[in-house]
Structures are given as structure tokens and as C-alpha cells.
């Protein structure tokens, strides 16, 4: 199973990886919501190891 990076866009516009999880839709959504709750004014996304966007909040 592929891995997915959970990333947060910082104030300078750069995407920073905050975690890596398995490519499972429920796990990805859980991790993204958790990160989003800690940083409510920042954008959150999930990117696979090939750089393709899987999901974005």
C-alpha cells in the first residue's frame, strides 16, 4: 500500500509535511482534520509519494 504525506501550507505559501500515513481514505481524512483543528487558518492537503494531490481541505 502506498504512503501519503499530510501537508500544511505555511504563511509563506510553502507546503510542509507534518506526517505520513497509509493511503487509506478514512485515515487520510482523520489525519487531515486533526492537523486542520490544530492550525485552523491554514490549508491542509494529502499528497502521494509521486506528488499527486489525493485530497485537500
Protein backbone atom coordinates (compact mmCIF):
# COMPACT_ATOMS: atom_id res chain seq x y z
CA UNK A 1 0.00 0.00 0.00
CA UNK A 2 1.29 3.48 -0.87
CA UNK A 3 2.03 6.14 1.67
CA UNK A 4 0.58 9.66 1.70
CA UNK A 5 2.11 12.83 3.12
CA UNK A 6 -0.15 15.11 5.17
CA UNK A 7 0.96 18.68 4.49
CA UNK A 8 0.17 22.16 5.80
CA UNK A 9 0.66 25.38 3.85
CA UNK A 10 2.67 27.81 5.96
CA UNK A 11 2.32 31.60 5.97
CA UNK A 12 4.94 31.95 3.20
CA UNK A 13 2.95 29.66 0.89
CA UNK A 14 5.26 26.64 1.18
CA UNK A 15 3.82 23.19 1.87
CA UNK A 16 5.35 21.46 4.92
CA UNK A 17 4.95 17.76 5.66
CA UNK A 18 3.59 17.10 9.15
CA UNK A 19 3.00 13.39 8.87
CA UNK A 20 2.93 10.30 6.70
CA UNK A 21 0.11 7.76 6.69
CA UNK A 22 -1.09 4.82 4.64
CA UNK A 23 -3.20 5.51 1.56
CA UNK A 24 -6.50 4.76 3.29
CA UNK A 25 -9.27 7.33 2.79
CA UNK A 26 -10.53 7.20 6.38
CA UNK A 27 -7.04 7.51 7.86
CA UNK A 28 -6.14 10.37 5.49
CA UNK A 29 -9.30 12.30 6.41
CA UNK A 30 -8.70 11.72 10.14
CA UNK A 31 -5.10 12.99 9.91
CA UNK A 32 -6.09 16.00 7.81
CA UNK A 33 -8.91 17.01 10.16
CA UNK A 34 -6.61 16.61 13.17
CA UNK A 35 -3.95 18.85 11.61
CA UNK A 36 -6.59 21.35 10.49
CA UNK A 37 -8.01 21.59 14.01
CA UNK A 38 -4.54 22.48 15.33
CA UNK A 39 -3.99 25.09 12.59
CA UNK A 40 -7.50 26.37 11.70
CA UNK A 41 -6.35 29.21 9.42
CA UNK A 42 -4.01 27.10 7.28
CA UNK A 43 -4.71 24.89 4.26
CA UNK A 44 -4.15 21.14 4.58
CA UNK A 45 -3.62 18.58 1.84
CA UNK A 46 -2.67 14.96 1.28
CA UNK A 47 -0.10 14.15 -1.41
CA UNK A 48 1.05 10.72 -2.55
CA UNK A 49 4.75 9.89 -2.93
CA UNK A 50 4.59 10.76 -6.65
CA UNK A 51 3.48 14.31 -5.77
CA UNK A 52 -0.14 13.88 -6.84
CA UNK A 53 -2.77 15.53 -4.67
CA UNK A 54 -5.05 12.98 -3.02
CA UNK A 55 -7.24 15.38 -1.00
CA UNK A 56 -7.26 19.00 0.18
CA UNK A 57 -9.10 20.94 2.89
